[in-house]
Amino acid sequence: MQRQRTIGQAVHFEGIGLHSGRPARLDLVPAPENTGIVLRAGDPPVDIPLTLAHLAPSRRCTAVARGAARVDTVEHLAAALYGCGVDNVRAEVEGGEIPILDGSAEPFVNAIRRAGVVEQEAPRRTIRLSRPVFVAEENRFALALPAEGLRLTVAVDFREPVGRAVVDVALNEETFARELAPARTFGFAEDREKLLEEGLSHGASEECILVVRDDAYTSSLRLEDEPARHKALDALGDLCLLGRRLAAHVVIVRGGHALHHALAAAIAAAGDEE
């Protein structure tokens, strides 16, 4: 029987919000069994569980809200917690957005590993499937198949140099840290002005974004097919809205946050909790 886990001590992060461009602070604090991932934000502070019930409308990120309190861009942190095997934590947020840091989940993973992960007494909660689950959105689709562990197969289709690519990762702590966590958010230079006009990406820079200009990247790739790996990272973070560990083989083609959220909702409706 696998048991729930929390972090060994509090950890602190400071940076800026990717979309707001404003200062953002985050403290991760150990939490008791059966807490789940809870974000504390707002004035006065409100606890917002990272679950589908608290999913908020958003563009280009995943956000959760409760009343007037809201936190944007939670997906990289959520993926890091899942990938490090952390079930219970309180994330205290200032600035309304999780700091983007270097655009990947790696800074979160490194800090969590330094803090240590502590096993608790309660059994870990898992969602399992007895049948396939499928969702589609025009030419995008996502499928979850019954499986023992969590496996992600993610295909992307963009203009060059990103192009078409497929990544396939059987998730555990080591494969996550090695194959997904370092992958950075990416963006196309030609989209910059439009995003700014829409009130997005005010904190974006080459320090936190893998920028694609014309037919080349503006910095060296950290990993082969790094953009596709970042899409897999985003998908994992979005699936954390289930509030449980997931046992499934997830296949996503041309994914995005809305599609990931729809898949999580379909899994929640069809899955069996343990």
C-alpha atoms as a PDB file:
ATOM      1  CA  MET A   1       0.000   0.000   0.000  1.00  0.00           C
ATOM      2  CA  GLN A   2       1.349   3.399  -0.979  1.00  0.00           C
ATOM      3  CA  ARG A   3       1.010   6.125   1.637  1.00  0.00           C
ATOM      4  CA  GLN A   4       0.393   9.849   1.293  1.00  0.00           C
ATOM      5  CA  ARG A   5       3.331  12.232   1.451  1.00  0.00           C
ATOM      6  CA  THR A   6       4.025  15.873   2.259  1.00  0.00           C
ATOM      7  CA  ILE A   7       7.145  18.053   2.147  1.00  0.00           C
ATOM      8  CA  GLY A   8       9.664  17.928   4.990  1.00  0.00           C
ATOM      9  CA  GLN A   9       9.864  21.686   5.538  1.00  0.00           C
ATOM     10  CA  ALA A  10       8.595  24.966   4.121  1.00  0.00           C
ATOM     11  CA  VAL A  11      10.137  26.366   0.920  1.00  0.00           C
ATOM     12  CA  HIS A  12       9.913  29.877  -0.530  1.00  0.00           C
ATOM     13  CA  PHE A  13       9.901  31.248  -4.093  1.00  0.00           C
ATOM     14  CA  GLU A  14       9.863  34.772  -5.491  1.00  0.00           C
ATOM     15  CA  GLY A  15       9.566  35.949  -9.065  1.00  0.00           C
ATOM     16  CA  ILE A  16       7.020  37.466 -11.413  1.00  0.00           C
ATOM     17  CA  GLY A  17       3.752  36.248 -12.846  1.00  0.00           C
ATOM     18  CA  LEU A  18       3.987  35.151 -16.478  1.00  0.00           C
ATOM     19  CA  HIS A  19       0.744  36.872 -17.453  1.00  0.00           C
ATOM     20  CA  SER A  20       0.422  39.686 -14.914  1.00  0.00           C
ATOM     21  CA  GLY A  21       4.074  40.732 -15.025  1.00  0.00           C
ATOM     22  CA  ARG A  22       3.716  41.627 -11.340  1.00  0.00           C
ATOM     23  CA  PRO A  23       5.787  40.356  -8.390  1.00  0.00           C
ATOM     24  CA  ALA A  24       4.657  36.933  -7.218  1.00  0.00           C
ATOM     25  CA  ARG A  25       5.561  35.071  -4.038  1.00  0.00           C
ATOM     26  CA  LEU A  26       4.951  31.465  -3.055  1.00  0.00           C
ATOM     27  CA  ASP A  27       5.498  29.516   0.155  1.00  0.00           C
ATOM     28  CA  LEU A  28       4.980  25.748   0.213  1.00  0.00           C
ATOM     29  CA  VAL A  29       4.112  24.503   3.693  1.00  0.00           C
ATOM     30  CA  PRO A  30       3.746  20.888   4.928  1.00  0.00           C
ATOM     31  CA  ALA A  31       0.106  19.819   5.330  1.00  0.00           C
ATOM     32  CA  PRO A  32      -1.695  17.008   7.184  1.00  0.00           C
ATOM     33  CA  GLU A  33      -2.999  13.816   5.597  1.00  0.00           C
ATOM     34  CA  ASN A  34      -5.979  14.124   3.236  1.00  0.00           C
ATOM     35  CA  THR A  35      -5.423  17.865   2.740  1.00  0.00           C
ATOM     36  CA  GLY A  36      -4.521  17.589  -0.926  1.00  0.00           C
ATOM     37  CA  ILE A  37      -2.977  20.570  -2.694  1.00  0.00           C
ATOM     38  CA  VAL A  38      -4.532  23.751  -1.297  1.00  0.00           C
ATOM     39  CA  LEU A  39      -3.684  27.265  -2.457  1.00  0.00           C
ATOM     40  CA  ARG A  40      -4.119  30.068   0.074  1.00  0.00           C
ATOM     41  CA  ALA A  41      -4.646  33.467  -1.552  1.00  0.00           C
ATOM     42  CA  GLY A  42      -6.661  36.663  -1.415  1.00  0.00           C
ATOM     43  CA  ASP A  43      -7.275  39.360   1.201  1.00  0.00           C
ATOM     44  CA  PRO A  44      -8.397  38.042   3.587  1.00  0.00           C
ATOM     45  CA  PRO A  45      -6.715  34.737   2.704  1.00  0.00           C
ATOM     46  CA  VAL A  46      -8.967  31.943   1.439  1.00  0.00           C
ATOM     47  CA  ASP A  47      -8.083  28.257   0.947  1.00  0.00           C
ATOM     48  CA  ILE A  48      -8.648  27.091  -2.638  1.00  0.00           C
ATOM     49  CA  PRO A  49      -8.347  23.317  -3.192  1.00  0.00           C
ATOM     50  CA  LEU A  50      -6.671  22.417  -6.483  1.00  0.00           C
ATOM     51  CA  THR A  51      -9.677  20.501  -7.801  1.00  0.00           C
ATOM     52  CA  LEU A  52     -12.064  20.587 -10.737  1.00  0.00           C
ATOM     53  CA  ALA A  53     -14.709  22.119  -8.486  1.00  0.00           C
ATOM     54  CA  HIS A  54     -12.559  25.255  -8.199  1.00  0.00           C
ATOM     55  CA  LEU A  55     -11.381  25.495 -11.820  1.00  0.00           C
ATOM     56  CA  ALA A  56     -11.769  29.081 -13.052  1.00  0.00           C
ATOM     57  CA  PRO A  57     -12.116  30.437 -16.609  1.00  0.00           C
ATOM     58  CA  SER A  58      -8.683  31.364 -17.964  1.00  0.00           C
ATOM     59  CA  ARG A  59      -6.653  31.799 -21.129  1.00  0.00           C
ATOM     60  CA  ARG A  60      -3.225  30.319 -21.778  1.00  0.00           C
ATOM     61  CA  CYS A  61      -2.984  28.854 -18.261  1.00  0.00           C
ATOM     62  CA  THR A  62      -4.870  26.950 -15.576  1.00  0.00           C
ATOM     63  CA  ALA A  63      -6.449  28.933 -12.745  1.00  0.00           C
ATOM     64  CA  VAL A  64      -8.453  28.110  -9.641  1.00  0.00           C
ATOM     65  CA  ALA A  65     -10.710  30.387  -7.637  1.00  0.00           C
ATOM     66  CA  ARG A  66     -12.964  30.546  -4.614  1.00  0.00           C
ATOM     67  CA  GLY A  67     -15.137  33.603  -4.223  1.00  0.00           C
ATOM     68  CA  ALA A  68     -13.024  36.656  -5.010  1.00  0.00           C
ATOM     69  CA  ALA A  69      -9.725  34.812  -4.416  1.00  0.00           C
ATOM     70  CA  ARG A  70      -7.987  33.492  -7.524  1.00  0.00           C
ATOM     71  CA  VAL A  71      -4.607  32.015  -8.469  1.00  0.00           C
ATOM     72  CA  ASP A  72      -3.397  31.795 -12.079  1.00  0.00           C
ATOM     73  CA  THR A  73      -0.760  29.613 -13.757  1.00  0.00           C
ATOM     74  CA  VAL A  74      -0.876  26.748 -11.270  1.00  0.00           C
ATOM     75  CA  GLU A  75       0.043  23.991 -13.746  1.00  0.00           C
ATOM     76  CA  HIS A  76       3.854  23.930 -13.421  1.00  0.00           C
ATOM     77  CA  LEU A  77       3.734  23.844  -9.625  1.00  0.00           C
ATOM     78  CA  ALA A  78       1.026  21.161  -9.664  1.00  0.00           C
ATOM     79  CA  ALA A  79       3.057  19.011 -12.054  1.00  0.00           C
ATOM     80  CA  ALA A  80       6.160  19.377  -9.874  1.00  0.00           C
ATOM     81  CA  LEU A  81       4.273  18.297  -6.756  1.00  0.00           C
ATOM     82  CA  TYR A  82       2.792  15.293  -8.541  1.00  0.00           C
ATOM     83  CA  GLY A  83       6.116  14.368 -10.115  1.00  0.00           C
ATOM     84  CA  CYS A  84       7.856  14.538  -6.718  1.00  0.00           C
ATOM     85  CA  GLY A  85       5.188  12.360  -5.120  1.00  0.00           C
ATOM     86  CA  VAL A  86       3.719  15.085  -2.877  1.00  0.00           C
ATOM     87  CA  ASP A  87       0.042  14.568  -2.037  1.00  0.00           C
ATOM     88  CA  ASN A  88      -0.534  17.166   0.700  1.00  0.00           C
ATOM     89  CA  VAL A  89       0.751  20.735   0.776  1.00  0.00           C
ATOM     90  CA  ARG A  90      -0.483  24.261   1.399  1.00  0.00           C
ATOM     91  CA  ALA A  91       0.717  26.806  -1.162  1.00  0.00           C
ATOM     92  CA  GLU A  92       0.527  30.372   0.168  1.00  0.00           C
ATOM     93  CA  VAL A  93       0.403  32.769  -2.784  1.00  0.00           C
ATOM     94  CA  GLU A  94       0.877  36.535  -3.005  1.00  0.00           C
ATOM     95  CA  GLY A  95       0.348  38.367  -6.272  1.00  0.00           C
ATOM     96  CA  GLY A  96      -2.450  36.225  -7.663  1.00  0.00           C
ATOM     97  CA  GLU A  97      -0.196  34.036  -9.805  1.00  0.00           C
ATOM     98  CA  ILE A  98       2.405  31.325  -9.250  1.00  0.00           C
ATOM     99  CA  PRO A  99       5.897  32.705 -10.068  1.00  0.00           C
ATOM    100  CA  ILE A 100       6.979  31.586 -13.527  1.00  0.00           C
ATOM    101  CA  LEU A 101      10.679  31.316 -12.460  1.00  0.00           C
ATOM    102  CA  ASP A 102      12.577  29.884 -15.469  1.00  0.00           C
ATOM    103  CA  GLY A 103       9.426  28.721 -17.265  1.00  0.00           C
ATOM    104  CA  SER A 104       9.805  25.074 -16.276  1.00  0.00           C
ATOM    105  CA  ALA A 105       9.019  22.896 -13.248  1.00  0.00           C
ATOM    106  CA  GLU A 106      12.686  22.272 -12.454  1.00  0.00           C
ATOM    107  CA  PRO A 107      13.142  25.029  -9.802  1.00  0.00           C
ATOM    108  CA  PHE A 108      10.135  23.645  -7.915  1.00  0.00           C
ATOM    109  CA  VAL A 109      11.475  20.094  -8.149  1.00  0.00           C
ATOM    110  CA  ASN A 110      14.923  21.103  -6.901  1.00  0.00           C
ATOM    111  CA  ALA A 111      13.467  22.968  -3.916  1.00  0.00           C
ATOM    112  CA  ILE A 112      11.086  20.140  -3.011  1.00  0.00           C
ATOM    113  CA  ARG A 113      13.947  17.660  -3.119  1.00  0.00           C
ATOM    114  CA  ARG A 114      16.043  19.873  -0.843  1.00  0.00           C
ATOM    115  CA  ALA A 115      13.141  20.140   1.590  1.00  0.00           C
ATOM    116  CA  GLY A 116      12.614  16.387   1.526  1.00  0.00           C
ATOM    117  CA  VAL A 117       9.410  14.396   1.131  1.00  0.00           C
ATOM    118  CA  VAL A 118       7.903  12.781   4.226  1.00  0.00           C
ATOM    119  CA  GLU A 119       5.667   9.714   4.232  1.00  0.00           C
ATOM    120  CA  GLN A 120       2.437   9.975   6.198  1.00  0.00           C
ATOM    121  CA  GLU A 121       0.153   7.286   7.647  1.00  0.00           C
ATOM    122  CA  ALA A 122      -2.935   7.511   5.436  1.00  0.00           C
ATOM    123  CA  PRO A 123      -3.129   5.465   2.222  1.00  0.00           C
ATOM    124  CA  ARG A 124      -2.636   7.316  -1.043  1.00  0.00           C
ATOM    125  CA  ARG A 125      -5.830   8.027  -3.001  1.00  0.00           C
ATOM    126  CA  THR A 126      -5.904   6.954  -6.658  1.00  0.00           C
ATOM    127  CA  ILE A 127      -8.358   7.096  -9.565  1.00  0.00           C
ATOM    128  CA  ARG A 128      -8.427   4.034 -11.838  1.00  0.00           C
ATOM    129  CA  LEU A 129     -10.334   3.428 -15.057  1.00  0.00           C
ATOM    130  CA  SER A 130     -12.306   0.336 -15.995  1.00  0.00           C
ATOM    131  CA  ARG A 131     -12.919   1.602 -19.556  1.00  0.00           C
ATOM    132  CA  PRO A 132     -11.370   4.102 -21.983  1.00  0.00           C
ATOM    133  CA  VAL A 133     -12.320   7.784 -21.775  1.00  0.00           C
ATOM    134  CA  PHE A 134     -12.224  10.029 -24.863  1.00  0.00           C
ATOM    135  CA  VAL A 135     -12.718  13.757 -25.450  1.00  0.00           C
ATOM    136  CA  ALA A 136     -12.268  15.819 -28.616  1.00  0.00           C
ATOM    137  CA  GLU A 137     -12.237  19.459 -29.698  1.00  0.00           C
ATOM    138  CA  GLU A 138     -12.169  19.956 -33.480  1.00  0.00           C
ATOM    139  CA  ASN A 139      -8.830  18.421 -34.572  1.00  0.00           C
ATOM    140  CA  ARG A 140      -7.583  17.904 -31.005  1.00  0.00           C
ATOM    141  CA  PHE A 141      -8.283  14.847 -28.905  1.00  0.00           C
ATOM    142  CA  ALA A 142      -7.333  13.155 -25.660  1.00  0.00           C
ATOM    143  CA  LEU A 143      -7.769   9.574 -24.546  1.00  0.00           C
ATOM    144  CA  ALA A 144      -7.263   7.867 -21.185  1.00  0.00           C
ATOM    145  CA  LEU A 145      -6.887   4.085 -21.088  1.00  0.00           C
ATOM    146  CA  PRO A 146      -6.877   1.745 -18.076  1.00  0.00           C
ATOM    147  CA  ALA A 147      -3.342   1.141 -16.812  1.00  0.00           C
ATOM    148  CA  GLU A 148      -1.463   0.325 -13.634  1.00  0.00           C
ATOM    149  CA  GLY A 149       0.613   3.507 -13.415  1.00  0.00           C
ATOM    150  CA  LEU A 150       0.516   6.870 -15.174  1.00  0.00           C
ATOM    151  CA  ARG A 151       1.911   7.104 -18.677  1.00  0.00           C
ATOM    152  CA  LEU A 152       1.772  10.199 -20.888  1.00  0.00           C
ATOM    153  CA  THR A 153       1.945  10.087 -24.684  1.00  0.00           C
ATOM    154  CA  VAL A 154       1.722  13.612 -26.098  1.00  0.00           C
ATOM    155  CA  ALA A 155       1.847  14.668 -29.755  1.00  0.00           C
ATOM    156  CA  VAL A 156       2.257  18.261 -30.976  1.00  0.00           C
ATOM    157  CA  ASP A 157       1.892  19.811 -34.427  1.00  0.00           C
ATOM    158  CA  PHE A 158       3.239  23.353 -34.865  1.00  0.00           C
ATOM    159  CA  ARG A 159       5.104  25.268 -37.511  1.00  0.00           C
ATOM    160  CA  GLU A 160       8.825  24.656 -37.789  1.00  0.00           C
ATOM    161  CA  PRO A 161      11.157  24.534 -35.981  1.00  0.00           C
ATOM    162  CA  VAL A 162       8.841  22.965 -33.398  1.00  0.00           C
ATOM    163  CA  GLY A 163       7.160  20.823 -36.036  1.00  0.00           C
ATOM    164  CA  ARG A 164       5.555  17.495 -35.249  1.00  0.00           C
ATOM    165  CA  ALA A 165       6.822  15.489 -32.314  1.00  0.00           C
ATOM    166  CA  VAL A 166       5.691  12.773 -29.927  1.00  0.00           C
ATOM    167  CA  VAL A 167       6.931  12.190 -26.378  1.00  0.00           C
ATOM    168  CA  ASP A 168       6.115   9.085 -24.373  1.00  0.00           C
ATOM    169  CA  VAL A 169       6.964   8.938 -20.667  1.00  0.00           C
ATOM    170  CA  ALA A 170       6.075   6.347 -18.035  1.00  0.00           C
ATOM    171  CA  LEU A 171       5.854   8.624 -15.013  1.00  0.00           C
ATOM    172  CA  ASN A 172       7.827   8.143 -11.839  1.00  0.00           C
ATOM    173  CA  GLU A 173       9.896  10.588  -9.811  1.00  0.00           C
ATOM    174  CA  GLU A 174      13.065  10.049 -11.809  1.00  0.00           C
ATOM    175  CA  THR A 175      11.528  10.114 -15.294  1.00  0.00           C
ATOM    176  CA  PHE A 176       9.585  13.257 -14.400  1.00  0.00           C
ATOM    177  CA  ALA A 177      12.666  15.058 -13.085  1.00  0.00           C
ATOM    178  CA  ARG A 178      14.781  13.988 -16.050  1.00  0.00           C
ATOM    179  CA  GLU A 179      12.404  14.057 -19.021  1.00  0.00           C
ATOM    180  CA  LEU A 180       9.705  16.643 -18.262  1.00  0.00           C
ATOM    181  CA  ALA A 181      10.606  19.003 -15.412  1.00  0.00           C
ATOM    182  CA  PRO A 182      13.353  20.956 -17.296  1.00  0.00           C
ATOM    183  CA  ALA A 183      11.096  21.679 -20.319  1.00  0.00           C
ATOM    184  CA  ARG A 184      10.271  25.391 -20.559  1.00  0.00           C
ATOM    185  CA  THR A 185       7.167  27.242 -21.655  1.00  0.00           C
ATOM    186  CA  PHE A 186       7.572  28.196 -25.304  1.00  0.00           C
ATOM    187  CA  GLY A 187       6.064  30.884 -27.473  1.00  0.00           C
ATOM    188  CA  PHE A 188       6.200  32.225 -31.017  1.00  0.00           C
ATOM    189  CA  ALA A 189       7.579  35.742 -31.409  1.00  0.00           C
ATOM    190  CA  GLU A 190       4.831  36.695 -33.872  1.00  0.00           C
ATOM    191  CA  ASP A 191       2.173  36.136 -31.193  1.00  0.00           C
ATOM    192  CA  ARG A 192       3.715  38.575 -28.703  1.00  0.00           C
ATOM    193  CA  GLU A 193       1.796  41.756 -29.553  1.00  0.00           C
ATOM    194  CA  LYS A 194      -1.554  40.006 -29.740  1.00  0.00           C
ATOM    195  CA  LEU A 195      -1.049  38.395 -26.332  1.00  0.00           C
ATOM    196  CA  LEU A 196      -0.121  41.736 -24.773  1.00  0.00           C
ATOM    197  CA  GLU A 197      -3.240  43.333 -26.251  1.00  0.00           C
ATOM    198  CA  GLU A 198      -5.270  40.526 -24.634  1.00  0.00           C
ATOM    199  CA  GLY A 199      -3.694  41.259 -21.255  1.00  0.00           C
ATOM    200  CA  LEU A 200      -1.479  38.172 -21.302  1.00  0.00           C
ATOM    201  CA  SER A 201       2.261  37.417 -21.141  1.00  0.00           C
ATOM    202  CA  HIS A 202       3.301  40.730 -19.545  1.00  0.00           C
ATOM    203  CA  GLY A 203       5.979  38.846 -17.598  1.00  0.00           C
ATOM    204  CA  ALA A 204       7.298  36.910 -20.586  1.00  0.00           C
ATOM    205  CA  SER A 205      10.969  37.246 -21.510  1.00  0.00           C
ATOM    206  CA  GLU A 206      13.747  35.037 -22.782  1.00  0.00           C
ATOM    207  CA  GLU A 207      14.612  34.350 -19.129  1.00  0.00           C
ATOM    208  CA  CYS A 208      11.416  32.346 -18.706  1.00  0.00           C
ATOM    209  CA  ILE A 209      10.236  31.522 -22.242  1.00  0.00           C
ATOM    210  CA  LEU A 210      11.757  29.412 -25.001  1.00  0.00           C
ATOM    211  CA  VAL A 211      11.133  31.881 -27.838  1.00  0.00           C
ATOM    212  CA  VAL A 212      10.636  30.747 -31.434  1.00  0.00           C
ATOM    213  CA  ARG A 213      11.592  33.353 -34.047  1.00  0.00           C
ATOM    214  CA  ASP A 214      11.175  32.641 -37.771  1.00  0.00           C
ATOM    215  CA  ASP A 215      12.852  29.245 -38.226  1.00  0.00           C
ATOM    216  CA  ALA A 216      14.983  29.051 -35.074  1.00  0.00           C
ATOM    217  CA  TYR A 217      14.896  29.109 -31.280  1.00  0.00           C
ATOM    218  CA  THR A 218      16.545  32.030 -29.489  1.00  0.00           C
ATOM    219  CA  SER A 219      18.322  29.693 -27.048  1.00  0.00           C
ATOM    220  CA  SER A 220      19.575  26.127 -27.049  1.00  0.00           C
ATOM    221  CA  LEU A 221      17.110  23.378 -26.221  1.00  0.00           C
ATOM    222  CA  ARG A 222      17.498  21.737 -22.839  1.00  0.00           C
ATOM    223  CA  LEU A 223      15.911  18.508 -24.066  1.00  0.00           C
ATOM    224  CA  GLU A 224      15.135  16.916 -27.401  1.00  0.00           C
ATOM    225  CA  ASP A 225      11.600  17.959 -28.424  1.00  0.00           C
ATOM    226  CA  GLU A 226      11.473  20.376 -25.483  1.00  0.00           C
ATOM    227  CA  PRO A 227       8.187  22.044 -26.572  1.00  0.00           C
ATOM    228  CA  ALA A 228       6.417  18.677 -26.766  1.00  0.00           C
ATOM    229  CA  ARG A 229       7.793  17.785 -23.346  1.00  0.00           C
ATOM    230  CA  HIS A 230       6.478  21.045 -21.950  1.00  0.00           C
ATOM    231  CA  LYS A 231       3.044  20.204 -23.336  1.00  0.00           C
ATOM    232  CA  ALA A 232       3.254  16.905 -21.438  1.00  0.00           C
ATOM    233  CA  LEU A 233       4.267  18.840 -18.309  1.00  0.00           C
ATOM    234  CA  ASP A 234       1.229  21.121 -18.688  1.00  0.00           C
ATOM    235  CA  ALA A 235      -1.040  18.113 -19.182  1.00  0.00           C
ATOM    236  CA  LEU A 236       0.231  16.509 -15.987  1.00  0.00           C
ATOM    237  CA  GLY A 237      -0.354  19.718 -14.034  1.00  0.00           C
ATOM    238  CA  ASP A 238      -3.877  20.013 -15.411  1.00  0.00           C
ATOM    239  CA  LEU A 239      -4.688  16.405 -14.514  1.00  0.00           C
ATOM    240  CA  CYS A 240      -3.818  17.274 -10.906  1.00  0.00           C
ATOM    241  CA  LEU A 241      -7.270  18.874 -10.786  1.00  0.00           C
ATOM    242  CA  LEU A 242      -8.500  15.324 -10.164  1.00  0.00           C
ATOM    243  CA  GLY A 243      -7.187  15.710  -6.607  1.00  0.00           C
ATOM    244  CA  ARG A 244      -5.891  12.133  -6.671  1.00  0.00           C
ATOM    245  CA  ARG A 245      -3.076  10.112  -8.169  1.00  0.00           C
ATOM    246  CA  LEU A 246      -4.053   8.770 -11.593  1.00  0.00           C
ATOM    247  CA  ALA A 247      -3.557   5.262 -12.944  1.00  0.00           C
ATOM    248  CA  ALA A 248      -4.053   5.554 -16.714  1.00  0.00           C
ATOM    249  CA  HIS A 249      -2.290   5.733 -20.060  1.00  0.00           C
ATOM    250  CA  VAL A 250      -3.110   9.231 -21.279  1.00  0.00           C
ATOM    251  CA  VAL A 251      -2.753  10.031 -24.991  1.00  0.00           C
ATOM    252  CA  ILE A 252      -3.082  13.670 -26.091  1.00  0.00           C
ATOM    253  CA  VAL A 253      -2.871  15.020 -29.639  1.00  0.00           C
ATOM    254  CA  ARG A 254      -2.616  18.799 -30.164  1.00  0.00           C
ATOM    255  CA  GLY A 255      -3.506  19.383 -26.541  1.00  0.00           C
ATOM    256  CA  GLY A 256      -4.153  22.568 -24.617  1.00  0.00           C
ATOM    257  CA  HIS A 257      -5.485  23.521 -21.216  1.00  0.00           C
ATOM    258  CA  ALA A 258      -9.170  23.400 -22.192  1.00  0.00           C
ATOM    259  CA  LEU A 259      -8.791  19.912 -23.654  1.00  0.00           C
ATOM    260  CA  HIS A 260      -6.844  18.723 -20.599  1.00  0.00           C
ATOM    261  CA  HIS A 261      -9.569  20.071 -18.309  1.00  0.00           C
ATOM    262  CA  ALA A 262     -12.244  18.268 -20.335  1.00  0.00           C
ATOM    263  CA  LEU A 263     -10.281  15.030 -20.080  1.00  0.00           C
ATOM    264  CA  ALA A 264      -9.885  15.435 -16.310  1.00  0.00           C
ATOM    265  CA  ALA A 265     -13.645  15.951 -15.967  1.00  0.00           C
ATOM    266  CA  ALA A 266     -14.358  12.856 -18.077  1.00  0.00           C
ATOM    267  CA  ILE A 267     -11.937  10.779 -15.999  1.00  0.00           C
ATOM    268  CA  ALA A 268     -13.526  12.030 -12.783  1.00  0.00           C
ATOM    269  CA  ALA A 269     -16.967  10.993 -14.064  1.00  0.00           C
ATOM    270  CA  ALA A 270     -15.837   7.530 -15.240  1.00  0.00           C
ATOM    271  CA  GLY A 271     -13.083   6.588 -12.806  1.00  0.00           C
ATOM    272  CA  ASP A 272     -13.167   4.500  -9.659  1.00  0.00           C
ATOM    273  CA  GLU A 273     -11.534   5.990  -6.567  1.00  0.00           C
ATOM    274  CA  GLU A 274      -9.377   3.944  -4.233  1.00  0.00           C
END
